[in-house]
Protein backbone atom coordinates (compact mmCIF):
# COMPACT_ATOMS: atom_id res chain seq x y z
CA UNK A 1 17.10 65.86 167.80
CA UNK A 2 15.42 64.83 164.54
CA UNK A 3 17.95 62.01 164.08
CA UNK A 4 17.23 60.86 167.64
CA UNK A 5 13.48 60.79 166.94
CA UNK A 6 13.96 58.87 163.68
CA UNK A 7 16.11 56.27 165.44
CA UNK A 8 13.64 56.06 168.31
CA UNK A 9 10.61 55.41 166.11
CA UNK A 10 12.30 53.12 163.58
CA UNK A 11 10.35 49.87 163.42
CA UNK A 12 7.91 50.91 166.17
CA UNK A 13 4.78 51.55 164.08
CA UNK A 14 2.87 48.43 165.22
CA UNK A 15 3.60 49.20 168.89
CA UNK A 16 2.42 52.78 168.49
CA UNK A 17 -0.81 51.67 166.80
CA UNK A 18 -1.55 49.15 169.57
CA UNK A 19 -0.88 51.74 172.28
CA UNK A 20 -3.12 54.34 170.65
CA UNK A 21 -5.95 51.82 170.37
CA UNK A 22 -5.41 50.72 173.97
CA UNK A 23 -5.51 54.22 175.42
CA UNK A 24 -8.65 55.69 173.82
CA UNK A 25 -10.28 55.08 177.21
CA UNK A 26 -7.87 57.62 178.70
CA UNK A 27 -9.44 60.38 176.57
CA UNK A 28 -12.81 59.52 178.11
CA UNK A 29 -11.21 59.46 181.56
CA UNK A 30 -9.68 62.89 180.98
CA UNK A 31 -13.11 64.23 180.08
CA UNK A 32 -14.45 62.87 183.38
CA UNK A 33 -11.46 64.12 185.36
CA UNK A 34 -12.09 67.68 184.20
CA UNK A 35 -15.90 67.29 183.90
CA UNK A 36 -16.82 69.01 187.16
CA UNK A 37 -15.02 72.29 186.35
CA UNK A 38 -17.26 73.35 183.40
CA UNK A 39 -20.29 71.20 184.33
CA UNK A 40 -20.94 72.21 187.95
CA UNK A 41 -21.44 75.90 187.01
CA UNK A 42 -24.06 74.70 184.48
CA UNK A 43 -25.74 72.55 187.14
CA UNK A 44 -25.77 75.52 189.53
CA UNK A 45 -27.32 77.88 186.97
CA UNK A 46 -31.00 78.72 186.58
CA UNK A 47 -31.26 76.56 183.45
CA UNK A 48 -29.81 73.46 185.11
CA UNK A 49 -31.00 70.13 183.68
CA UNK A 50 -30.63 68.55 187.15
CA UNK A 51 -31.36 70.27 190.44
CA UNK A 52 -28.48 70.16 192.96
CA UNK A 53 -28.72 70.37 196.73
CA UNK A 54 -26.04 72.00 198.93
CA UNK A 55 -23.05 69.66 199.20
CA UNK A 56 -23.82 67.77 195.98
CA UNK A 57 -20.88 69.47 194.25
CA UNK A 58 -18.35 67.85 196.60
CA UNK A 59 -19.99 64.45 196.08
CA UNK A 60 -19.88 64.87 192.32
CA UNK A 61 -16.13 65.43 192.58
CA UNK A 62 -15.34 62.76 195.18
CA UNK A 63 -17.59 59.92 193.88
CA UNK A 64 -15.43 59.73 190.79
CA UNK A 65 -12.44 59.01 193.02
CA UNK A 66 -14.39 56.68 195.32
CA UNK A 67 -15.46 54.66 192.27
CA UNK A 68 -11.78 54.16 191.56
CA UNK A 69 -11.23 52.91 195.11
CA UNK A 70 -14.00 50.31 194.71
CA UNK A 71 -12.44 49.24 191.41
CA UNK A 72 -9.16 48.21 193.04
CA UNK A 73 -10.03 44.58 193.86
CA UNK A 74 -11.45 44.13 190.36
CA UNK A 75 -8.22 45.53 188.89
CA UNK A 76 -6.05 43.11 190.88
CA UNK A 77 -8.09 40.10 189.80
CA UNK A 78 -8.81 40.96 186.17
CA UNK A 79 -5.32 41.93 184.95
CA UNK A 80 -3.89 38.54 185.97
CA UNK A 81 -6.85 36.23 185.30
CA UNK A 82 -8.56 37.85 182.31
CA UNK A 83 -5.45 39.51 180.90
CA UNK A 84 -4.50 43.09 180.20
CA UNK A 85 -6.31 43.36 176.87
CA UNK A 86 -9.63 41.86 177.96
CA UNK A 87 -9.60 43.99 181.11
CA UNK A 88 -9.33 47.18 179.03
CA UNK A 89 -12.28 46.06 176.92
CA UNK A 90 -14.42 45.24 179.96
CA UNK A 91 -13.67 48.64 181.46
CA UNK A 92 -14.88 50.27 178.24
CA UNK A 93 -18.28 48.63 178.62
CA UNK A 94 -18.64 49.85 182.21
CA UNK A 95 -17.60 53.34 181.11
CA UNK A 96 -20.21 53.45 178.37
CA UNK A 97 -22.85 52.70 181.01
CA UNK A 98 -21.49 55.56 183.14
CA UNK A 99 -21.78 58.07 180.30
CA UNK A 100 -25.35 56.91 179.63
CA UNK A 101 -26.31 57.60 183.26
CA UNK A 102 -24.84 61.12 183.05
CA UNK A 103 -26.23 61.93 179.62
CA UNK A 104 -29.73 60.53 180.17
CA UNK A 105 -29.93 61.31 183.89
CA UNK A 106 -32.88 63.26 185.24
CA UNK A 107 -31.76 63.45 188.87
CA UNK A 108 -28.54 64.03 190.78
CA UNK A 109 -28.60 60.32 191.76
CA UNK A 110 -28.11 59.41 188.09
CA UNK A 111 -25.11 61.76 187.96
CA UNK A 112 -23.71 60.17 191.12
CA UNK A 113 -24.03 56.67 189.60
CA UNK A 114 -22.46 57.78 186.32
CA UNK A 115 -19.50 59.43 188.03
CA UNK A 116 -19.01 56.38 190.24
CA UNK A 117 -19.06 53.97 187.27
CA UNK A 118 -16.62 56.11 185.31
CA UNK A 119 -14.32 56.23 188.34
CA UNK A 120 -14.52 52.43 188.45
CA UNK A 121 -13.69 52.33 184.74
CA UNK A 122 -10.73 54.67 185.13
CA UNK A 123 -9.19 52.62 187.92
CA UNK A 124 -9.44 49.34 186.02
CA UNK A 125 -8.20 50.87 182.77
CA UNK A 126 -5.32 52.77 184.40
CA UNK A 127 -4.11 49.50 185.88
CA UNK A 128 -4.46 47.41 182.74
CA UNK A 129 -3.40 49.89 180.04
CA UNK A 130 0.01 50.86 181.54
CA UNK A 131 0.78 47.18 182.14
CA UNK A 132 -0.15 46.37 178.54
CA UNK A 133 2.00 49.22 177.22
CA UNK A 134 5.09 48.38 179.30
CA UNK A 135 4.89 44.72 178.22
CA UNK A 136 4.52 45.28 174.46
CA UNK A 137 7.04 48.13 174.20
CA UNK A 138 10.70 47.84 173.27
CA UNK A 139 12.88 49.43 175.94
CA UNK A 140 14.19 52.11 173.55
CA UNK A 141 10.69 53.58 173.23
CA UNK A 142 8.96 52.33 176.37
CA UNK A 143 9.07 55.70 178.16
CA UNK A 144 7.46 57.46 175.19
CA UNK A 145 4.76 54.83 174.74
CA UNK A 146 4.01 54.72 178.47
CA UNK A 147 3.51 58.48 178.42
CA UNK A 148 0.89 58.31 175.67
CA UNK A 149 -1.82 57.25 178.11
CA UNK A 150 -1.29 60.49 180.00
CA UNK A 151 -1.33 62.50 176.79
CA UNK A 152 -4.65 60.92 175.89
CA UNK A 153 -6.04 61.83 179.30
CA UNK A 154 -4.87 65.43 178.88
CA UNK A 155 -6.49 65.50 175.45
CA UNK A 156 -9.73 64.52 177.18
CA UNK A 157 -9.36 67.44 179.62
CA UNK A 158 -8.81 69.83 176.69
CA UNK A 159 -11.94 68.47 175.00
CA UNK A 160 -14.22 68.83 178.05
CA UNK A 161 -12.86 72.32 178.84
CA UNK A 162 -13.46 73.34 175.22
CA UNK A 163 -16.93 71.86 174.68
CA UNK A 164 -18.24 71.70 178.26
CA UNK A 165 -19.25 75.38 178.57
CA UNK A 166 -20.69 75.46 175.01
CA UNK A 167 -22.85 72.35 174.70
CA UNK A 168 -25.22 70.47 176.97
CA UNK A 169 -24.14 67.84 179.46
CA UNK A 170 -26.07 65.31 177.37
CA UNK A 171 -24.09 66.18 174.23
CA UNK A 172 -20.71 65.96 175.98
CA UNK A 173 -21.77 62.55 177.33
CA UNK A 174 -22.37 61.35 173.78
CA UNK A 175 -18.80 62.39 172.90
CA UNK A 176 -17.34 60.51 175.89
CA UNK A 177 -19.43 57.38 175.32
CA UNK A 178 -18.59 57.32 171.59
CA UNK A 179 -14.87 57.27 172.39
CA UNK A 180 -15.26 54.15 174.53
CA UNK A 181 -17.47 52.52 171.92
CA UNK A 182 -14.78 53.09 169.26
CA UNK A 183 -12.19 51.44 171.52
CA UNK A 184 -14.47 48.46 172.07
CA UNK A 185 -14.63 48.04 168.29
CA UNK A 186 -10.94 48.66 167.41
CA UNK A 187 -8.89 47.24 170.29
CA UNK A 188 -9.85 43.54 169.86
CA UNK A 189 -7.78 43.53 166.65
CA UNK A 190 -4.58 44.48 168.49
CA UNK A 191 -2.08 41.84 169.74
CA UNK A 192 -2.11 40.80 173.39
CA UNK A 193 0.83 41.25 175.76
CA UNK A 194 3.61 38.69 175.05
CA UNK A 195 4.54 38.80 178.76
CA UNK A 196 1.01 37.85 179.79
CA UNK A 197 0.70 35.13 177.13
CA UNK A 198 3.95 33.51 178.31
CA UNK A 199 2.80 33.93 181.90
CA UNK A 200 -0.27 31.77 181.09
CA UNK A 201 1.84 29.30 179.03
CA UNK A 202 0.60 30.37 175.59
CA UNK A 203 4.04 30.46 174.01
CA UNK A 204 3.01 30.16 170.38
CA UNK A 205 0.48 32.97 170.75
CA UNK A 206 3.17 35.03 172.48
CA UNK A 207 5.50 34.50 169.53
CA UNK A 208 2.81 35.57 167.06
CA UNK A 209 1.98 38.65 169.14
CA UNK A 210 5.65 39.65 169.35
CA UNK A 211 6.08 39.20 165.59
CA UNK A 212 3.16 41.55 165.01
CA UNK A 213 4.62 44.12 167.40
CA UNK A 214 8.17 44.03 166.00
CA UNK A 215 9.14 44.75 162.40
CA UNK A 216 11.68 41.92 162.34
CA UNK A 217 10.08 38.47 162.20
CA UNK A 218 12.88 36.66 164.01
CA UNK A 219 11.92 37.38 167.60
CA UNK A 220 13.50 34.26 169.08
CA UNK A 221 16.11 36.10 171.14
CA UNK A 222 13.64 38.55 172.68
CA UNK A 223 11.12 35.77 173.27
CA UNK A 224 13.75 33.77 175.19
CA UNK A 225 14.62 36.83 177.27
CA UNK A 226 10.95 37.44 178.11
CA UNK A 227 10.45 33.75 178.95
CA UNK A 228 13.45 33.74 181.29
CA UNK A 229 12.30 36.92 182.98
CA UNK A 230 8.76 35.59 183.47
CA UNK A 231 10.00 32.23 184.75
CA UNK A 232 12.34 33.88 187.22
CA UNK A 233 9.61 36.20 188.42
CA UNK A 234 7.21 33.25 188.73
CA UNK A 235 9.54 31.73 191.32
CA UNK A 236 8.90 34.75 193.51
CA UNK A 237 5.77 34.50 195.59
CA UNK A 238 2.83 36.65 194.58
CA UNK A 239 1.20 37.13 197.96
CA UNK A 240 0.01 40.63 198.93
CA UNK A 241 2.43 40.74 201.88
CA UNK A 242 5.35 40.12 199.51
CA UNK A 243 4.94 43.68 198.28
CA UNK A 244 6.32 44.74 201.64
CA UNK A 245 8.35 41.71 202.83
CA UNK A 246 10.61 41.55 199.76
CA UNK A 247 13.04 44.47 199.80
CA UNK A 248 12.91 45.28 196.06
CA UNK A 249 9.11 45.23 196.05
CA UNK A 250 9.02 47.36 199.17
CA UNK A 251 11.29 49.92 197.55
CA UNK A 252 9.13 49.95 194.41
CA UNK A 253 6.03 50.48 196.58
CA UNK A 254 7.61 53.39 198.42
CA UNK A 255 8.64 55.08 195.18
CA UNK A 256 5.25 54.77 193.45
CA UNK A 257 3.39 55.82 196.61
CA UNK A 258 5.64 58.87 196.89
CA UNK A 259 5.09 59.78 193.24
CA UNK A 260 1.31 59.43 193.45
CA UNK A 261 0.99 61.36 196.72
CA UNK A 262 3.19 64.11 195.29
CA UNK A 263 0.96 64.50 192.25
CA UNK A 264 -2.14 65.37 194.26
CA UNK A 265 -0.53 67.27 197.09
CA UNK A 266 1.11 69.40 194.45
CA UNK A 267 -2.48 70.45 193.68
CA UNK A 268 -3.26 68.91 190.30
CA UNK A 269 -6.69 67.51 191.21
CA UNK A 270 -7.72 70.78 192.82
CA UNK A 271 -6.66 72.88 189.86
CA UNK A 272 -8.29 70.62 187.26
CA UNK A 273 -11.58 70.18 189.13
CA UNK A 274 -11.87 73.78 190.41
CA UNK A 275 -9.96 75.80 187.82
CA UNK A 276 -12.91 77.96 186.73
CA UNK A 277 -13.72 78.92 190.34
CA UNK A 278 -10.05 79.63 191.19
CA UNK A 279 -9.69 81.90 188.15
CA UNK A 280 -12.88 83.73 189.04
CA UNK A 281 -11.57 84.19 192.59
CA UNK A 282 -8.47 85.89 191.15
CA UNK A 283 -10.68 88.63 189.56
CA UNK A 284 -8.87 88.43 186.23
CA UNK A 285 -10.99 90.41 183.73
CA UNK A 286 -8.91 90.32 180.56
CA UNK A 287 -9.96 86.80 179.55
CA UNK A 288 -12.89 84.60 180.54
CA UNK A 289 -12.25 81.68 182.88
CA UNK A 290 -13.45 79.27 180.16
CA UNK A 291 -10.89 80.51 177.62
CA UNK A 292 -8.14 80.57 180.25
CA UNK A 293 -9.01 76.97 181.20
CA UNK A 294 -8.69 75.89 177.56
CA UNK A 295 -5.22 77.49 177.36
CA UNK A 296 -4.28 75.84 180.68
CA UNK A 297 -5.28 72.36 179.50
CA UNK A 298 -3.65 72.88 176.09
CA UNK A 299 -0.37 73.88 177.74
CA UNK A 300 -0.54 70.73 179.89
CA UNK A 301 -0.98 68.63 176.75
CA UNK A 302 1.88 70.34 174.91
CA UNK A 303 4.23 70.06 177.90
CA UNK A 304 3.44 66.39 178.47
CA UNK A 305 3.88 65.70 174.74
CA UNK A 306 7.37 67.23 174.80
CA UNK A 307 8.17 65.20 177.92
CA UNK A 308 7.19 61.92 176.26
CA UNK A 309 9.55 62.64 173.37
CA UNK A 310 12.54 63.41 175.61
CA UNK A 311 11.96 61.01 178.53
CA UNK A 312 13.90 58.21 176.81
CA UNK A 313 16.73 60.56 175.85
CA UNK A 314 17.30 62.49 179.08
CA UNK A 315 15.79 60.08 181.59
CA UNK A 316 12.98 60.06 184.16
CA UNK A 317 14.76 61.54 187.15
CA UNK A 318 15.94 64.85 185.69
CA UNK A 319 12.43 65.60 184.44
CA UNK A 320 10.97 64.85 187.88
CA UNK A 321 13.41 67.16 189.67
CA UNK A 322 13.04 70.10 187.25
CA UNK A 323 9.27 69.70 187.29
CA UNK A 324 9.17 69.62 191.10
CA UNK A 325 11.21 72.81 191.49
CA UNK A 326 9.21 74.85 188.96
CA UNK A 327 5.88 73.54 190.27
CA UNK A 328 6.85 74.71 193.78
CA UNK A 329 7.57 78.20 192.44
CA UNK A 330 4.17 78.38 190.71
CA UNK A 331 2.27 77.17 193.80
CA UNK A 332 3.96 79.67 196.12
CA UNK A 333 3.27 82.48 193.64
CA UNK A 334 -0.46 81.62 193.64
CA UNK A 335 -0.46 81.36 197.44
CA UNK A 336 1.24 84.74 197.91
CA UNK A 337 -1.20 86.47 195.54
CA UNK A 338 -4.28 85.11 197.32
CA UNK A 339 -2.69 85.87 200.71
CA UNK A 340 -2.21 89.51 199.74
CA UNK A 341 -5.76 89.58 198.40
CA UNK A 342 -7.00 88.16 201.73
CA UNK A 343 -5.16 90.97 203.57
CA UNK A 344 -7.22 93.48 201.60
CA UNK A 345 -4.55 94.90 199.30
CA UNK A 346 -5.59 96.30 195.93
CA UNK A 347 -4.25 93.81 193.39
CA UNK A 348 -6.13 94.93 190.29
CA UNK A 349 -2.88 95.68 188.47
CA UNK A 350 -1.51 92.26 189.45
CA UNK A 351 -4.47 90.15 188.36
CA UNK A 352 -2.26 88.53 185.75
CA UNK A 353 0.02 86.97 188.42
CA UNK A 354 -2.20 83.98 189.39
CA UNK A 355 -3.11 83.39 185.75
CA UNK A 356 0.54 83.37 184.66
CA UNK A 357 1.38 81.16 187.66
CA UNK A 358 -1.35 78.70 186.67
CA UNK A 359 0.10 78.56 183.14
CA UNK A 360 3.62 78.00 184.49
CA UNK A 361 2.18 75.29 186.72
CA UNK A 362 0.54 73.58 183.72
CA UNK A 363 3.85 73.46 181.85
CA UNK A 364 6.06 72.56 184.82
CA UNK A 365 3.85 69.92 186.42
CA UNK A 366 3.07 68.00 183.25
CA UNK A 367 6.70 68.03 182.13
CA UNK A 368 7.64 65.63 184.93
CA UNK A 369 5.47 65.10 188.00
CA UNK A 370 2.39 64.71 185.84
CA UNK A 371 3.68 62.08 183.43
CA UNK A 372 6.69 60.22 184.88
CA UNK A 373 4.71 58.42 187.66
CA UNK A 374 2.56 56.57 185.12
CA UNK A 375 5.73 55.59 183.24
CA UNK A 376 7.66 54.35 186.27
CA UNK A 377 4.76 52.60 188.00
CA UNK A 378 4.42 50.17 185.11
CA UNK A 379 8.21 49.58 185.11
CA UNK A 380 9.08 48.96 188.75
CA UNK A 381 7.09 45.85 189.75
CA UNK A 382 7.93 42.24 188.72
CA UNK A 383 5.32 40.25 186.79
CA UNK A 384 4.32 38.14 189.78
CA UNK A 385 3.08 41.10 191.82
CA UNK A 386 2.56 43.69 189.10
CA UNK A 387 -1.22 43.64 189.45
CA UNK A 388 -0.95 44.07 193.22
CA UNK A 389 1.69 46.76 192.85
CA UNK A 390 -0.38 48.73 190.36
CA UNK A 391 -3.34 48.42 192.73
CA UNK A 392 -1.26 49.86 195.59
CA UNK A 393 -0.22 52.70 193.31
CA UNK A 394 -3.83 53.33 192.33
CA UNK A 395 -4.93 53.22 195.97
CA UNK A 396 -2.50 55.97 196.89
CA UNK A 397 -3.50 57.92 193.78
CA UNK A 398 -7.19 57.80 194.74
CA UNK A 399 -6.72 58.37 198.47
CA UNK A 400 -4.33 61.28 197.92
CA UNK A 401 -6.65 62.78 195.33
CA UNK A 402 -9.75 62.45 197.52
CA UNK A 403 -7.93 63.75 200.60
CA UNK A 404 -6.57 66.72 198.66
CA UNK A 405 -10.14 67.65 197.63
CA UNK A 406 -11.35 67.69 201.23
CA UNK A 407 -8.21 69.41 202.57
CA UNK A 408 -8.57 72.13 199.93
CA UNK A 409 -12.26 72.69 200.69
CA UNK A 410 -11.69 72.73 204.47
CA UNK A 411 -8.67 75.03 204.43
CA UNK A 412 -10.20 77.39 201.86
CA UNK A 413 -13.50 77.68 203.74
CA UNK A 414 -11.92 77.95 207.19
CA UNK A 415 -8.77 80.00 206.62
CA UNK A 416 -8.64 81.17 203.01
CA UNK A 417 -7.66 79.72 199.64
CA UNK A 418 -4.06 80.89 200.05
CA UNK A 419 -3.45 78.44 202.94
CA UNK A 420 -4.24 75.51 200.62
CA UNK A 421 -1.67 76.63 198.08
CA UNK A 422 0.97 77.22 200.74
CA UNK A 423 0.41 73.64 201.92
CA UNK A 424 0.64 72.25 198.38
CA UNK A 425 3.85 74.21 197.77
CA UNK A 426 5.50 72.87 200.93
CA UNK A 427 4.43 69.28 200.14
CA UNK A 428 5.77 69.57 196.59
CA UNK A 429 9.12 70.92 197.84
CA UNK A 430 9.54 68.16 200.41
CA UNK A 431 8.54 65.43 197.94
CA UNK A 432 10.99 66.69 195.33
CA UNK A 433 13.83 66.19 197.81
CA UNK A 434 12.65 62.61 198.51
CA UNK A 435 12.31 61.85 194.78
CA UNK A 436 15.84 63.11 194.17
CA UNK A 437 17.11 60.81 196.93
CA UNK A 438 15.21 57.56 196.31
CA UNK A 439 13.88 57.33 192.74
CA UNK A 440 16.08 55.19 190.43
CA UNK A 441 16.78 56.01 186.79
CA UNK A 442 15.05 53.45 184.54
CA UNK A 443 15.91 54.96 181.17
CA UNK A 444 17.03 52.38 178.61
CA UNK A 445 16.66 49.42 181.01
CA UNK A 446 14.70 46.25 180.33
CA UNK A 447 12.05 45.31 182.88
CA UNK A 448 14.39 42.59 184.16
CA UNK A 449 17.32 45.01 184.51
CA UNK A 450 15.11 47.36 186.55
CA UNK A 451 14.38 44.50 188.94
CA UNK A 452 18.11 43.91 189.34
CA UNK A 453 18.62 47.62 190.16
CA UNK A 454 15.96 47.44 192.87
CA UNK A 455 17.51 44.25 194.24
CA UNK A 456 21.02 45.76 194.13
C-alpha cells in the first residue's frame, strides 16, 4: 500500500499544490452546505440575532440550492469564455459578498440574499474547479486529485458543525469569507489548464503551464496528445442538443444524472441540513446532537479521504457498488427505528440504533456515492461540450437536492419521518442496480480513452 502511494504521488507535487489552491472555495461551500443545521436552532432561539417567521427555515435551506440553479447559465458561459481559472476567482468574489450579507445582516432578507449568492458561487465553482482538476491532472492520480474538492467540502462541514453551535453567526461568516479571500490571493499564481489554453490556441502558454505541472520538463509527447484530443473534440459540434443527439454524450449525461439524483435521494442533503433535528427526534441522551454531528461529519471526511487514496487503485465502480449497498442498509435501519417509534413502542434501550446507523451512513455514503460522482462527471464529457455537460450535471444535482428537501418535509409532516427514510432506502437500492449496469470504469484511462469507451 505504501509503495503504491509513493508511486502514485511521485512527481505530482505541483499538481497537488494547484488543486489545493483551486479548491479552497469548496471549504467555504461545505460550511454553507451544513450551515442551516447548527444555525437555524440559533435563529429560532430567544437570543436570535435575526427574527424568523414561520416557513423561513425552509427558504433558508432551499435558497442556497436555488442560487445554484440560477448560476447554471453563468457556469456554461464562463468556463469556456473566461477559462476555468478565472471562473474560480470570480466565484470567490461573489462568495465573499454572500458571507458579508450573512455576517452583517440585520434581517432575514439579508440571510436570504447571502444564501442565494453563496449557492450561486457554489454552482459556478463546482463546475469550474472539477474541470480544472481533470485537465491538469495526470491520469495516474486524476481520481485522487478530483476527489480533493469533495474532501475540502467535507472539511467545511466539519468546521461549521464544530464552530457553529459555539460562536455567533457573524463570527462563522468571517471564517467562511476569509477562506475565499485567501483563495483570491493565492490561486492567481497557479498555472492555468493546458487543455483550455490549447483550446483557445495559446500553445506556448499551454506548454509552460504543463512544464510547471509536471516534474519532467520535456512535455512534448503529452502536449501533442492533448492537442490531438482537443482538435478531435473541436470537430464535434458543441450545441446544447448534441448532449443528447450524440450517443456517447447522451450516455455520459445519463450516467452523471443518475449519479447526482442518487446522491440526494439517498438522503445526503436531508441528513446534512437537518442532522441536529433528526438526532433530537431519536431521543438519544448519551451524547448531545452537536457532538454527534461533529463525529458524523468527521467520519464523512475520513471515509472520503480513504476513498480518494484507493479510487485510482481499485477503480470507481467497485466503490460505488459497495457504498450503495451499505448506504441502503443504514437508511432502512433508520426508517425501521422511527417506524417502531411512530407505532408507540418503548425504544429507550435502542436509542443508539439511529445514531449508529447515521455513523454507518456517513462512512458508507462518502466512500463511494458521495465522492465518485464528482470524479466521473469531470471525466465523461469531451472538451467541446464539457461546460454544457457539467451544467446538466449541476442542474440535476440542484433539482434533486431541492426536491429531496421538499419531499422530506412533506412526508415527515404528513406521514412520519420514517416514510422519508424508507423512500430514500428504496431509491438508493434501485439506483445501485442501475449504476452497476451502466456506469463505465474510468480508472487509469486518459480523457480521450474514456471518450472512446463511451463511443464503443
